[in-house]
Amino acid sequence: MPHCIVEYAKDLETQIDLNELMTTTHFSVFSSGIFEEEDIKTRLIPYELYRTGTNEKPFVHITLRILPGRTEQQKDMLSEVLLHHIAAMFNSDIALSVEIEDINQQSYRKYVV
């Protein structure tokens, strides 16, 4: 835990290193001090078709799905750390957003095979 899901405009693949985007996301979550690095799972999902408002401005949206128990202050700090580190990767007009969601602990299951 947590699950870091990075959704992004496929157009960005020509502008940035995707491995850097994944690593920056992963490191940012770890650097918050809230999670152990070996518990963080990070994945990227490209979107070929998208629209942001009235144009096709590229975007990166990061969803963190975490188990309940973190304070609102911890979640706020985590959002800010992520936005700060990801924004530093870009020099152009881009829409960046972060959302932190608590996982339903009653229905969540995990098996490591």
C-alpha atoms as a PDB file:
ATOM      1  CA  MET A   1       0.000   0.000   0.000  1.00  0.00           C
ATOM      2  CA  PRO A   2      -0.480   2.600  -1.462  1.00  0.00           C
ATOM      3  CA  HIS A   3      -1.479   2.089  -5.064  1.00  0.00           C
ATOM      4  CA  CYS A   4      -0.242   5.017  -7.177  1.00  0.00           C
ATOM      5  CA  ILE A   5      -2.122   5.215 -10.461  1.00  0.00           C
ATOM      6  CA  VAL A   6      -0.677   7.771 -12.875  1.00  0.00           C
ATOM      7  CA  GLU A   7      -2.986   8.592 -15.766  1.00  0.00           C
ATOM      8  CA  TYR A   8      -1.486  10.768 -18.482  1.00  0.00           C
ATOM      9  CA  ALA A   9      -2.021  12.122 -21.992  1.00  0.00           C
ATOM     10  CA  LYS A  10      -0.236   9.799 -24.415  1.00  0.00           C
ATOM     11  CA  ASP A  11       1.077  12.906 -26.232  1.00  0.00           C
ATOM     12  CA  LEU A  12       3.444  13.436 -23.297  1.00  0.00           C
ATOM     13  CA  GLU A  13       5.421  10.330 -24.280  1.00  0.00           C
ATOM     14  CA  THR A  14       7.396  12.454 -26.764  1.00  0.00           C
ATOM     15  CA  GLN A  15       8.092  15.163 -24.162  1.00  0.00           C
ATOM     16  CA  ILE A  16       9.098  13.290 -21.012  1.00  0.00           C
ATOM     17  CA  ASP A  17      10.734  10.079 -19.896  1.00  0.00           C
ATOM     18  CA  LEU A  18       7.949   7.818 -18.615  1.00  0.00           C
ATOM     19  CA  ASN A  19      10.337   5.958 -16.348  1.00  0.00           C
ATOM     20  CA  GLU A  20      11.212   9.313 -14.758  1.00  0.00           C
ATOM     21  CA  LEU A  21       7.510  10.086 -14.277  1.00  0.00           C
ATOM     22  CA  MET A  22       6.998   6.724 -12.579  1.00  0.00           C
ATOM     23  CA  THR A  23      10.155   7.042 -10.470  1.00  0.00           C
ATOM     24  CA  THR A  24       9.352  10.619  -9.443  1.00  0.00           C
ATOM     25  CA  THR A  25       5.845   9.595  -8.392  1.00  0.00           C
ATOM     26  CA  HIS A  26       7.134   6.577  -6.485  1.00  0.00           C
ATOM     27  CA  PHE A  27       9.917   8.554  -4.757  1.00  0.00           C
ATOM     28  CA  SER A  28       7.578  11.430  -3.883  1.00  0.00           C
ATOM     29  CA  VAL A  29       5.200   9.088  -2.081  1.00  0.00           C
ATOM     30  CA  PHE A  30       8.116   7.464  -0.241  1.00  0.00           C
ATOM     31  CA  SER A  31       9.690  10.827   0.652  1.00  0.00           C
ATOM     32  CA  SER A  32       6.481  11.799   2.465  1.00  0.00           C
ATOM     33  CA  GLY A  33       7.591   9.490   5.287  1.00  0.00           C
ATOM     34  CA  ILE A  34       4.125   7.955   5.504  1.00  0.00           C
ATOM     35  CA  PHE A  35       4.841   4.674   3.669  1.00  0.00           C
ATOM     36  CA  GLU A  36       7.625   2.120   3.425  1.00  0.00           C
ATOM     37  CA  GLU A  37       9.119   2.012  -0.078  1.00  0.00           C
ATOM     38  CA  GLU A  38       8.549  -1.723  -0.522  1.00  0.00           C
ATOM     39  CA  ASP A  39       4.808  -1.196   0.052  1.00  0.00           C
ATOM     40  CA  ILE A  40       4.347   1.401  -2.723  1.00  0.00           C
ATOM     41  CA  LYS A  41       2.944   0.153  -6.038  1.00  0.00           C
ATOM     42  CA  THR A  42       3.126   2.559  -8.981  1.00  0.00           C
ATOM     43  CA  ARG A  43       1.687   2.160 -12.479  1.00  0.00           C
ATOM     44  CA  LEU A  44       1.102   4.398 -15.487  1.00  0.00           C
ATOM     45  CA  ILE A  45      -1.922   4.441 -17.780  1.00  0.00           C
ATOM     46  CA  PRO A  46      -1.814   6.427 -21.053  1.00  0.00           C
ATOM     47  CA  TYR A  47      -4.883   8.010 -22.647  1.00  0.00           C
ATOM     48  CA  GLU A  48      -4.795   8.483 -26.385  1.00  0.00           C
ATOM     49  CA  LEU A  49      -8.116  10.323 -26.523  1.00  0.00           C
ATOM     50  CA  TYR A  50      -8.881  12.996 -23.946  1.00  0.00           C
ATOM     51  CA  ARG A  51     -10.168  16.525 -23.515  1.00  0.00           C
ATOM     52  CA  THR A  52      -9.293  18.966 -20.749  1.00  0.00           C
ATOM     53  CA  GLY A  53     -11.844  21.731 -20.563  1.00  0.00           C
ATOM     54  CA  THR A  54     -12.208  23.467 -23.917  1.00  0.00           C
ATOM     55  CA  ASN A  55      -8.961  22.212 -25.425  1.00  0.00           C
ATOM     56  CA  GLU A  56      -6.609  19.258 -25.615  1.00  0.00           C
ATOM     57  CA  LYS A  57      -4.063  20.424 -23.047  1.00  0.00           C
ATOM     58  CA  PRO A  58      -1.999  17.429 -21.929  1.00  0.00           C
ATOM     59  CA  PHE A  59      -2.588  16.182 -18.404  1.00  0.00           C
ATOM     60  CA  VAL A  60      -1.222  14.043 -15.619  1.00  0.00           C
ATOM     61  CA  HIS A  61      -3.624  12.855 -12.937  1.00  0.00           C
ATOM     62  CA  ILE A  62      -2.345  10.820 -10.001  1.00  0.00           C
ATOM     63  CA  THR A  63      -4.687   8.802  -7.824  1.00  0.00           C
ATOM     64  CA  LEU A  64      -3.355   7.368  -4.577  1.00  0.00           C
ATOM     65  CA  ARG A  65      -5.462   4.605  -3.116  1.00  0.00           C
ATOM     66  CA  ILE A  66      -4.459   4.113   0.513  1.00  0.00           C
ATOM     67  CA  LEU A  67      -5.746   2.228   3.535  1.00  0.00           C
ATOM     68  CA  PRO A  68      -7.678   4.391   6.011  1.00  0.00           C
ATOM     69  CA  GLY A  69      -5.960   5.859   9.035  1.00  0.00           C
ATOM     70  CA  ARG A  70      -3.988   8.770   7.601  1.00  0.00           C
ATOM     71  CA  THR A  71      -4.914  12.231   8.833  1.00  0.00           C
ATOM     72  CA  GLU A  72      -6.228  14.956   6.542  1.00  0.00           C
ATOM     73  CA  GLN A  73      -2.983  16.839   7.179  1.00  0.00           C
ATOM     74  CA  GLN A  74      -0.938  13.832   5.985  1.00  0.00           C
ATOM     75  CA  LYS A  75      -3.085  13.536   2.850  1.00  0.00           C
ATOM     76  CA  ASP A  76      -2.787  17.269   2.165  1.00  0.00           C
ATOM     77  CA  MET A  77       1.001  17.154   2.571  1.00  0.00           C
ATOM     78  CA  LEU A  78       1.221  14.099   0.319  1.00  0.00           C
ATOM     79  CA  SER A  79      -0.803  15.854  -2.406  1.00  0.00           C
ATOM     80  CA  GLU A  80       1.431  18.928  -2.224  1.00  0.00           C
ATOM     81  CA  VAL A  81       4.660  16.889  -2.340  1.00  0.00           C
ATOM     82  CA  LEU A  82       3.436  14.976  -5.391  1.00  0.00           C
ATOM     83  CA  LEU A  83       2.279  18.081  -7.258  1.00  0.00           C
ATOM     84  CA  HIS A  84       5.534  19.903  -6.506  1.00  0.00           C
ATOM     85  CA  HIS A  85       7.764  17.068  -7.736  1.00  0.00           C
ATOM     86  CA  ILE A  86       5.694  16.278 -10.840  1.00  0.00           C
ATOM     87  CA  ALA A  87       5.321  19.951 -11.816  1.00  0.00           C
ATOM     88  CA  ALA A  88       9.109  20.312 -11.757  1.00  0.00           C
ATOM     89  CA  MET A  89       9.294  17.835 -14.663  1.00  0.00           C
ATOM     90  CA  PHE A  90       7.414  20.131 -17.055  1.00  0.00           C
ATOM     91  CA  ASN A  91       8.171  23.438 -18.756  1.00  0.00           C
ATOM     92  CA  SER A  92       4.972  23.696 -20.800  1.00  0.00           C
ATOM     93  CA  ASP A  93       1.251  24.170 -20.336  1.00  0.00           C
ATOM     94  CA  ILE A  94      -0.117  21.041 -18.628  1.00  0.00           C
ATOM     95  CA  ALA A  95      -2.984  20.138 -16.310  1.00  0.00           C
ATOM     96  CA  LEU A  96      -1.755  18.381 -13.151  1.00  0.00           C
ATOM     97  CA  SER A  97      -3.951  16.919 -10.448  1.00  0.00           C
ATOM     98  CA  VAL A  98      -3.715  14.571  -7.469  1.00  0.00           C
ATOM     99  CA  GLU A  99      -6.468  12.714  -5.658  1.00  0.00           C
ATOM    100  CA  ILE A 100      -6.093  10.606  -2.524  1.00  0.00           C
ATOM    101  CA  GLU A 101      -8.746   7.977  -1.833  1.00  0.00           C
ATOM    102  CA  ASP A 102      -9.211   5.695   1.150  1.00  0.00           C
ATOM    103  CA  ILE A 103      -9.634   2.050   0.182  1.00  0.00           C
ATOM    104  CA  ASN A 104     -12.651   0.239   1.584  1.00  0.00           C
ATOM    105  CA  GLN A 105     -10.785  -1.929   4.072  1.00  0.00           C
ATOM    106  CA  GLN A 106     -13.700  -4.311   4.532  1.00  0.00           C
ATOM    107  CA  SER A 107     -13.727  -5.367   0.865  1.00  0.00           C
ATOM    108  CA  TYR A 108     -10.016  -4.996   0.041  1.00  0.00           C
ATOM    109  CA  ARG A 109      -8.126  -8.268  -0.400  1.00  0.00           C
ATOM    110  CA  LYS A 110      -4.509  -8.956  -1.230  1.00  0.00           C
ATOM    111  CA  TYR A 111      -2.687 -12.161  -2.111  1.00  0.00           C
ATOM    112  CA  VAL A 112       0.996 -12.456  -2.860  1.00  0.00           C
ATOM    113  CA  VAL A 113       1.727 -15.649  -4.780  1.00  0.00           C
END
